[in-house]
Amino acid sequence: MILFGLNQIKIPGCARGGFLDTNQSRRLFLGQAGASLGLLWLGSLTPDLVAQAHAHAQQTASGAGKSYRFFTPEQAADFDAFSAQIIPTDDTPGAREANVVHFTDYVLSTVDRDQQAQMNDAFKTLHEQVARTASEKTSFAALTSAQQIEVMKAMEKTPAFQLLRGFTMTGFLCDPALGGNKDKVGWKLIGFEDLFLYKPPFGYYDAYYDEGKA
């Protein structure tokens, strides 16, 4: 299960037409999100599932795996548009470059099957708000950018919004082996270096021991 814990993060204004207005505010928001222990914790992962996710990501990147495992094409298009408003593409990579849609589709079909119903409910809420905002449109993806933001503002306090945003953030900042954060674009944006290298001394006792050897 993916845990989010994003409710307390304040999003700056949207002068660029997206939910994050400047590189500084975007970096701050993503840094806060990345620091949230609930955001990046993925339970029920096994080495086999991680390997499958990595293989799925490689197939997607090569063009051999463009079909979806959970999303319908319409849902994928709506989520792509939604996530692109949360983390838009401009002079820095956004949700699309991070492969957020295919990451979310994959985890919903594997480790997060228990959230499939909630995701379908989230799409229902999204479509209901689209109908209230622009009745002539049949999908969120078909709206103009301004209309999309209007819809998102109208529902940003709902569980549906939190779920859609949560998966967006997780896909942008997760371990690339899981299929999101392609080319580590999310980590690069927040200045995270994935060295995963531990050097002695590991604790005060090692340091003390080393001093005694000098």
C-alpha atoms as a PDB file:
ATOM      1  CA  MET A   1       0.000   0.000   0.000  1.00  0.00           C
ATOM      2  CA  ILE A   2       1.241   3.488  -0.831  1.00  0.00           C
ATOM      3  CA  LEU A   3       0.930   6.013   1.955  1.00  0.00           C
ATOM      4  CA  PHE A   4       0.896   9.693   1.122  1.00  0.00           C
ATOM      5  CA  GLY A   5       0.702  12.145   3.999  1.00  0.00           C
ATOM      6  CA  LEU A   6       0.572  15.284   1.856  1.00  0.00           C
ATOM      7  CA  ASN A   7      -2.368  17.084   3.396  1.00  0.00           C
ATOM      8  CA  GLN A   8      -0.294  19.496   5.457  1.00  0.00           C
ATOM      9  CA  ILE A   9       1.892  20.703   2.568  1.00  0.00           C
ATOM     10  CA  LYS A  10       0.892  24.162   1.369  1.00  0.00           C
ATOM     11  CA  ILE A  11       1.011  24.711  -2.376  1.00  0.00           C
ATOM     12  CA  PRO A  12       2.057  28.195  -3.590  1.00  0.00           C
ATOM     13  CA  GLY A  13       0.085  30.163  -6.184  1.00  0.00           C
ATOM     14  CA  CYS A  14      -0.175  29.213  -9.813  1.00  0.00           C
ATOM     15  CA  ALA A  15       1.159  32.130 -11.852  1.00  0.00           C
ATOM     16  CA  ARG A  16       2.360  29.774 -14.596  1.00  0.00           C
ATOM     17  CA  GLY A  17      -1.006  28.180 -15.081  1.00  0.00           C
ATOM     18  CA  GLY A  18      -0.113  25.114 -13.029  1.00  0.00           C
ATOM     19  CA  PHE A  19      -0.267  24.357  -9.336  1.00  0.00           C
ATOM     20  CA  LEU A  20       3.431  25.188  -8.806  1.00  0.00           C
ATOM     21  CA  ASP A  21       4.402  28.665  -9.903  1.00  0.00           C
ATOM     22  CA  THR A  22       8.191  28.967  -9.877  1.00  0.00           C
ATOM     23  CA  ASN A  23      11.205  26.688  -9.774  1.00  0.00           C
ATOM     24  CA  GLN A  24      11.840  27.789  -6.193  1.00  0.00           C
ATOM     25  CA  SER A  25       8.314  27.043  -5.001  1.00  0.00           C
ATOM     26  CA  ARG A  26       8.268  23.783  -6.949  1.00  0.00           C
ATOM     27  CA  ARG A  27      11.567  22.692  -5.416  1.00  0.00           C
ATOM     28  CA  LEU A  28      10.296  23.658  -1.953  1.00  0.00           C
ATOM     29  CA  PHE A  29       7.044  21.754  -2.406  1.00  0.00           C
ATOM     30  CA  LEU A  30       8.737  18.659  -3.803  1.00  0.00           C
ATOM     31  CA  GLY A  31      11.391  18.813  -1.119  1.00  0.00           C
ATOM     32  CA  GLN A  32       8.720  18.903   1.566  1.00  0.00           C
ATOM     33  CA  ALA A  33       6.929  16.029  -0.110  1.00  0.00           C
ATOM     34  CA  GLY A  34      10.096  14.002  -0.412  1.00  0.00           C
ATOM     35  CA  ALA A  35      10.800  14.583   3.259  1.00  0.00           C
ATOM     36  CA  SER A  36       7.423  13.137   4.180  1.00  0.00           C
ATOM     37  CA  LEU A  37       8.018   9.594   5.372  1.00  0.00           C
ATOM     38  CA  GLY A  38       4.514   8.647   4.343  1.00  0.00           C
ATOM     39  CA  LEU A  39       5.022   9.682   0.724  1.00  0.00           C
ATOM     40  CA  LEU A  40       7.791   7.349  -0.340  1.00  0.00           C
ATOM     41  CA  TRP A  41       7.044   4.313   1.780  1.00  0.00           C
ATOM     42  CA  LEU A  42       5.951   1.354  -0.290  1.00  0.00           C
ATOM     43  CA  GLY A  43       4.884  -1.750   1.587  1.00  0.00           C
ATOM     44  CA  SER A  44       4.361  -5.288   0.373  1.00  0.00           C
ATOM     45  CA  LEU A  45       7.209  -5.018  -2.122  1.00  0.00           C
ATOM     46  CA  THR A  46       9.205  -8.120  -2.923  1.00  0.00           C
ATOM     47  CA  PRO A  47      12.341  -8.377  -5.072  1.00  0.00           C
ATOM     48  CA  ASP A  48      10.220 -10.108  -7.704  1.00  0.00           C
ATOM     49  CA  LEU A  49       7.714  -7.252  -7.844  1.00  0.00           C
ATOM     50  CA  VAL A  50      10.497  -4.684  -8.039  1.00  0.00           C
ATOM     51  CA  ALA A  51      12.059  -6.642 -10.909  1.00  0.00           C
ATOM     52  CA  GLN A  52       8.693  -6.805 -12.681  1.00  0.00           C
ATOM     53  CA  ALA A  53       8.191  -3.066 -12.233  1.00  0.00           C
ATOM     54  CA  HIS A  54      11.648  -2.378 -13.638  1.00  0.00           C
ATOM     55  CA  ALA A  55      10.976  -4.598 -16.652  1.00  0.00           C
ATOM     56  CA  HIS A  56       7.608  -2.915 -17.198  1.00  0.00           C
ATOM     57  CA  ALA A  57       9.275   0.506 -17.104  1.00  0.00           C
ATOM     58  CA  GLN A  58      11.857  -0.586 -19.679  1.00  0.00           C
ATOM     59  CA  GLN A  59       9.137  -1.920 -21.988  1.00  0.00           C
ATOM     60  CA  THR A  60       7.220   1.348 -21.658  1.00  0.00           C
ATOM     61  CA  ALA A  61      10.314   3.399 -22.455  1.00  0.00           C
ATOM     62  CA  SER A  62      11.042   1.289 -25.539  1.00  0.00           C
ATOM     63  CA  GLY A  63       7.493   1.644 -26.825  1.00  0.00           C
ATOM     64  CA  ALA A  64       6.754  -2.066 -26.403  1.00  0.00           C
ATOM     65  CA  GLY A  65       4.480  -1.662 -23.414  1.00  0.00           C
ATOM     66  CA  LYS A  66       2.160   1.245 -24.149  1.00  0.00           C
ATOM     67  CA  SER A  67      -0.996  -0.631 -23.147  1.00  0.00           C
ATOM     68  CA  TYR A  68      -2.366  -0.205 -19.630  1.00  0.00           C
ATOM     69  CA  ARG A  69      -2.841  -2.836 -16.963  1.00  0.00           C
ATOM     70  CA  PHE A  70      -5.451  -1.015 -14.851  1.00  0.00           C
ATOM     71  CA  PHE A  71      -6.309   2.321 -16.462  1.00  0.00           C
ATOM     72  CA  THR A  72      -8.644   2.615 -19.394  1.00  0.00           C
ATOM     73  CA  PRO A  73      -7.185   4.832 -22.155  1.00  0.00           C
ATOM     74  CA  GLU A  74      -9.611   7.578 -21.060  1.00  0.00           C
ATOM     75  CA  GLN A  75      -8.530   7.320 -17.425  1.00  0.00           C
ATOM     76  CA  ALA A  76      -4.876   7.364 -18.454  1.00  0.00           C
ATOM     77  CA  ALA A  77      -5.438  10.535 -20.495  1.00  0.00           C
ATOM     78  CA  ASP A  78      -7.268  12.223 -17.608  1.00  0.00           C
ATOM     79  CA  PHE A  79      -4.619  11.269 -15.075  1.00  0.00           C
ATOM     80  CA  ASP A  80      -1.879  12.387 -17.455  1.00  0.00           C
ATOM     81  CA  ALA A  81      -3.538  15.808 -17.721  1.00  0.00           C
ATOM     82  CA  PHE A  82      -4.141  16.005 -13.969  1.00  0.00           C
ATOM     83  CA  SER A  83      -0.576  15.060 -13.023  1.00  0.00           C
ATOM     84  CA  ALA A  84       0.808  17.493 -15.609  1.00  0.00           C
ATOM     85  CA  GLN A  85      -1.041  20.312 -13.832  1.00  0.00           C
ATOM     86  CA  ILE A  86       0.403  19.231 -10.464  1.00  0.00           C
ATOM     87  CA  ILE A  87       3.955  19.044 -11.836  1.00  0.00           C
ATOM     88  CA  PRO A  88       3.959  20.758 -15.250  1.00  0.00           C
ATOM     89  CA  THR A  89       6.696  20.573 -17.835  1.00  0.00           C
ATOM     90  CA  ASP A  90       8.495  23.839 -18.492  1.00  0.00           C
ATOM     91  CA  ASP A  91      12.208  24.543 -18.144  1.00  0.00           C
ATOM     92  CA  THR A  92      12.388  21.565 -15.794  1.00  0.00           C
ATOM     93  CA  PRO A  93      10.910  18.075 -16.304  1.00  0.00           C
ATOM     94  CA  GLY A  94       7.405  17.384 -15.062  1.00  0.00           C
ATOM     95  CA  ALA A  95       5.132  14.447 -14.330  1.00  0.00           C
ATOM     96  CA  ARG A  96       5.087  13.335 -17.958  1.00  0.00           C
ATOM     97  CA  GLU A  97       8.854  13.054 -18.185  1.00  0.00           C
ATOM     98  CA  ALA A  98       8.875  11.094 -14.922  1.00  0.00           C
ATOM     99  CA  ASN A  99       6.544   8.435 -16.377  1.00  0.00           C
ATOM    100  CA  VAL A 100       3.988   9.041 -13.612  1.00  0.00           C
ATOM    101  CA  VAL A 101       1.018   7.583 -15.513  1.00  0.00           C
ATOM    102  CA  HIS A 102       2.603   4.215 -16.271  1.00  0.00           C
ATOM    103  CA  PHE A 103       4.047   3.992 -12.752  1.00  0.00           C
ATOM    104  CA  THR A 104       0.609   4.540 -11.229  1.00  0.00           C
ATOM    105  CA  ASP A 105      -1.016   2.117 -13.634  1.00  0.00           C
ATOM    106  CA  TYR A 106       1.539  -0.531 -12.712  1.00  0.00           C
ATOM    107  CA  VAL A 107       1.347  -0.212  -8.927  1.00  0.00           C
ATOM    108  CA  LEU A 108      -2.456  -0.189  -9.014  1.00  0.00           C
ATOM    109  CA  SER A 109      -2.323  -3.522 -10.797  1.00  0.00           C
ATOM    110  CA  THR A 110       0.192  -5.055  -8.379  1.00  0.00           C
ATOM    111  CA  VAL A 111       1.069  -3.779  -4.899  1.00  0.00           C
ATOM    112  CA  ASP A 112      -1.833  -1.320  -4.622  1.00  0.00           C
ATOM    113  CA  ARG A 113      -4.792  -3.350  -5.826  1.00  0.00           C
ATOM    114  CA  ASP A 114      -6.585  -2.360  -2.622  1.00  0.00           C
ATOM    115  CA  GLN A 115      -6.764   1.220  -3.929  1.00  0.00           C
ATOM    116  CA  GLN A 116      -8.340   0.404  -7.281  1.00  0.00           C
ATOM    117  CA  ALA A 117     -11.853   1.149  -6.037  1.00  0.00           C
ATOM    118  CA  GLN A 118     -10.734   4.457  -4.510  1.00  0.00           C
ATOM    119  CA  MET A 119      -9.041   5.419  -7.768  1.00  0.00           C
ATOM    120  CA  ASN A 120     -12.183   4.645  -9.762  1.00  0.00           C
ATOM    121  CA  ASP A 121     -14.159   6.746  -7.267  1.00  0.00           C
ATOM    122  CA  ALA A 122     -11.616   9.546  -7.714  1.00  0.00           C
ATOM    123  CA  PHE A 123     -12.156   9.516 -11.468  1.00  0.00           C
ATOM    124  CA  LYS A 124     -15.902   9.613 -10.883  1.00  0.00           C
ATOM    125  CA  THR A 125     -15.512  12.690  -8.663  1.00  0.00           C
ATOM    126  CA  LEU A 126     -13.236  14.272 -11.270  1.00  0.00           C
ATOM    127  CA  HIS A 127     -15.760  13.689 -14.066  1.00  0.00           C
ATOM    128  CA  GLU A 128     -18.618  15.042 -11.957  1.00  0.00           C
ATOM    129  CA  GLN A 129     -16.672  18.247 -11.380  1.00  0.00           C
ATOM    130  CA  VAL A 130     -15.852  18.464 -15.091  1.00  0.00           C
ATOM    131  CA  ALA A 131     -19.592  18.292 -15.849  1.00  0.00           C
ATOM    132  CA  ARG A 132     -20.249  21.129 -13.391  1.00  0.00           C
ATOM    133  CA  THR A 133     -17.441  23.266 -14.769  1.00  0.00           C
ATOM    134  CA  ALA A 134     -17.774  22.654 -18.515  1.00  0.00           C
ATOM    135  CA  SER A 135     -20.845  20.587 -19.329  1.00  0.00           C
ATOM    136  CA  GLU A 136     -19.995  20.481 -23.021  1.00  0.00           C
ATOM    137  CA  LYS A 137     -16.795  18.513 -22.316  1.00  0.00           C
ATOM    138  CA  THR A 138     -16.731  14.770 -21.753  1.00  0.00           C
ATOM    139  CA  SER A 139     -13.357  14.384 -20.051  1.00  0.00           C
ATOM    140  CA  PHE A 140     -10.831  16.245 -17.928  1.00  0.00           C
ATOM    141  CA  ALA A 141      -8.194  15.820 -20.622  1.00  0.00           C
ATOM    142  CA  ALA A 142     -10.427  17.650 -23.122  1.00  0.00           C
ATOM    143  CA  LEU A 143     -10.548  20.816 -21.005  1.00  0.00           C
ATOM    144  CA  THR A 144      -8.348  23.827 -21.547  1.00  0.00           C
ATOM    145  CA  SER A 145      -5.557  24.338 -19.034  1.00  0.00           C
ATOM    146  CA  ALA A 146      -7.539  27.116 -17.325  1.00  0.00           C
ATOM    147  CA  GLN A 147     -10.604  24.885 -17.058  1.00  0.00           C
ATOM    148  CA  GLN A 148      -8.531  22.031 -15.659  1.00  0.00           C
ATOM    149  CA  ILE A 149      -7.182  24.274 -12.924  1.00  0.00           C
ATOM    150  CA  GLU A 150     -10.696  25.487 -12.149  1.00  0.00           C
ATOM    151  CA  VAL A 151     -11.846  21.883 -11.744  1.00  0.00           C
ATOM    152  CA  MET A 152      -8.874  21.027  -9.536  1.00  0.00           C
ATOM    153  CA  LYS A 153      -9.388  24.039  -7.288  1.00  0.00           C
ATOM    154  CA  ALA A 154     -13.030  23.119  -6.852  1.00  0.00           C
ATOM    155  CA  MET A 155     -12.150  19.613  -5.627  1.00  0.00           C
ATOM    156  CA  GLU A 156      -8.769  20.104  -3.958  1.00  0.00           C
ATOM    157  CA  LYS A 157     -10.144  19.439  -0.456  1.00  0.00           C
ATOM    158  CA  THR A 158     -11.699  16.126  -1.455  1.00  0.00           C
ATOM    159  CA  PRO A 159     -10.248  12.633  -0.923  1.00  0.00           C
ATOM    160  CA  ALA A 160     -10.297  12.207  -4.705  1.00  0.00           C
ATOM    161  CA  PHE A 161      -7.927  15.114  -5.223  1.00  0.00           C
ATOM    162  CA  GLN A 162      -5.618  13.902  -2.461  1.00  0.00           C
ATOM    163  CA  LEU A 163      -5.442  10.427  -3.992  1.00  0.00           C
ATOM    164  CA  LEU A 164      -4.705  11.678  -7.507  1.00  0.00           C
ATOM    165  CA  ARG A 165      -2.120  14.136  -6.247  1.00  0.00           C
ATOM    166  CA  GLY A 166      -0.586  11.497  -3.980  1.00  0.00           C
ATOM    167  CA  PHE A 167       0.016   9.078  -6.810  1.00  0.00           C
ATOM    168  CA  THR A 168       1.440  11.922  -8.895  1.00  0.00           C
ATOM    169  CA  MET A 169       3.951  12.847  -6.209  1.00  0.00           C
ATOM    170  CA  THR A 170       4.880   9.238  -5.516  1.00  0.00           C
ATOM    171  CA  GLY A 171       5.477   8.531  -9.197  1.00  0.00           C
ATOM    172  CA  PHE A 172       7.631  11.639  -9.474  1.00  0.00           C
ATOM    173  CA  LEU A 173       9.824  10.930  -6.443  1.00  0.00           C
ATOM    174  CA  CYS A 174       9.885   7.137  -6.091  1.00  0.00           C
ATOM    175  CA  ASP A 175      12.793   4.788  -6.698  1.00  0.00           C
ATOM    176  CA  PRO A 176      13.218   4.684 -10.499  1.00  0.00           C
ATOM    177  CA  ALA A 177      13.371   0.879 -10.296  1.00  0.00           C
ATOM    178  CA  LEU A 178       9.606   0.987  -9.709  1.00  0.00           C
ATOM    179  CA  GLY A 179       8.960   2.651 -13.060  1.00  0.00           C
ATOM    180  CA  GLY A 180       8.428   6.268 -12.036  1.00  0.00           C
ATOM    181  CA  ASN A 181      10.918   9.096 -11.535  1.00  0.00           C
ATOM    182  CA  LYS A 182      12.324   8.229 -14.964  1.00  0.00           C
ATOM    183  CA  ASP A 183      15.970   9.215 -15.372  1.00  0.00           C
ATOM    184  CA  LYS A 184      15.758  10.383 -11.727  1.00  0.00           C
ATOM    185  CA  VAL A 185      14.184  13.671 -12.823  1.00  0.00           C
ATOM    186  CA  GLY A 186      12.364  14.069  -9.493  1.00  0.00           C
ATOM    187  CA  TRP A 187      15.454  13.433  -7.416  1.00  0.00           C
ATOM    188  CA  LYS A 188      17.499  15.823  -9.532  1.00  0.00           C
ATOM    189  CA  LEU A 189      14.896  18.554  -9.122  1.00  0.00           C
ATOM    190  CA  ILE A 190      15.030  18.402  -5.314  1.00  0.00           C
ATOM    191  CA  GLY A 191      18.808  17.933  -5.242  1.00  0.00           C
ATOM    192  CA  PHE A 192      18.728  14.379  -3.892  1.00  0.00           C
ATOM    193  CA  GLU A 193      21.818  12.279  -4.619  1.00  0.00           C
ATOM    194  CA  ASP A 194      21.148   8.562  -4.489  1.00  0.00           C
ATOM    195  CA  LEU A 195      24.607   7.498  -3.427  1.00  0.00           C
ATOM    196  CA  PHE A 196      23.309   4.797  -1.074  1.00  0.00           C
ATOM    197  CA  LEU A 197      26.902   4.453   0.079  1.00  0.00           C
ATOM    198  CA  TYR A 198      27.771   4.131   3.737  1.00  0.00           C
ATOM    199  CA  LYS A 199      31.300   4.800   4.919  1.00  0.00           C
ATOM    200  CA  PRO A 200      32.806   4.126   8.334  1.00  0.00           C
ATOM    201  CA  PRO A 201      32.721   5.222  11.056  1.00  0.00           C
ATOM    202  CA  PHE A 202      29.097   4.089  11.358  1.00  0.00           C
ATOM    203  CA  GLY A 203      28.676   5.236  14.958  1.00  0.00           C
ATOM    204  CA  TYR A 204      30.424   6.838  17.874  1.00  0.00           C
ATOM    205  CA  TYR A 205      31.967   3.495  18.882  1.00  0.00           C
ATOM    206  CA  ASP A 206      33.680   3.102  15.489  1.00  0.00           C
ATOM    207  CA  ALA A 207      34.967   6.659  15.628  1.00  0.00           C
ATOM    208  CA  TYR A 208      36.270   6.083  19.160  1.00  0.00           C
ATOM    209  CA  TYR A 209      37.948   2.856  18.079  1.00  0.00           C
ATOM    210  CA  ASP A 210      39.581   4.553  15.104  1.00  0.00           C
ATOM    211  CA  GLU A 211      40.906   7.326  17.316  1.00  0.00           C
ATOM    212  CA  GLY A 212      42.512   4.737  19.595  1.00  0.00           C
ATOM    213  CA  LYS A 213      44.324   3.209  16.634  1.00  0.00           C
ATOM    214  CA  ALA A 214      45.848   6.513  15.567  1.00  0.00           C
END
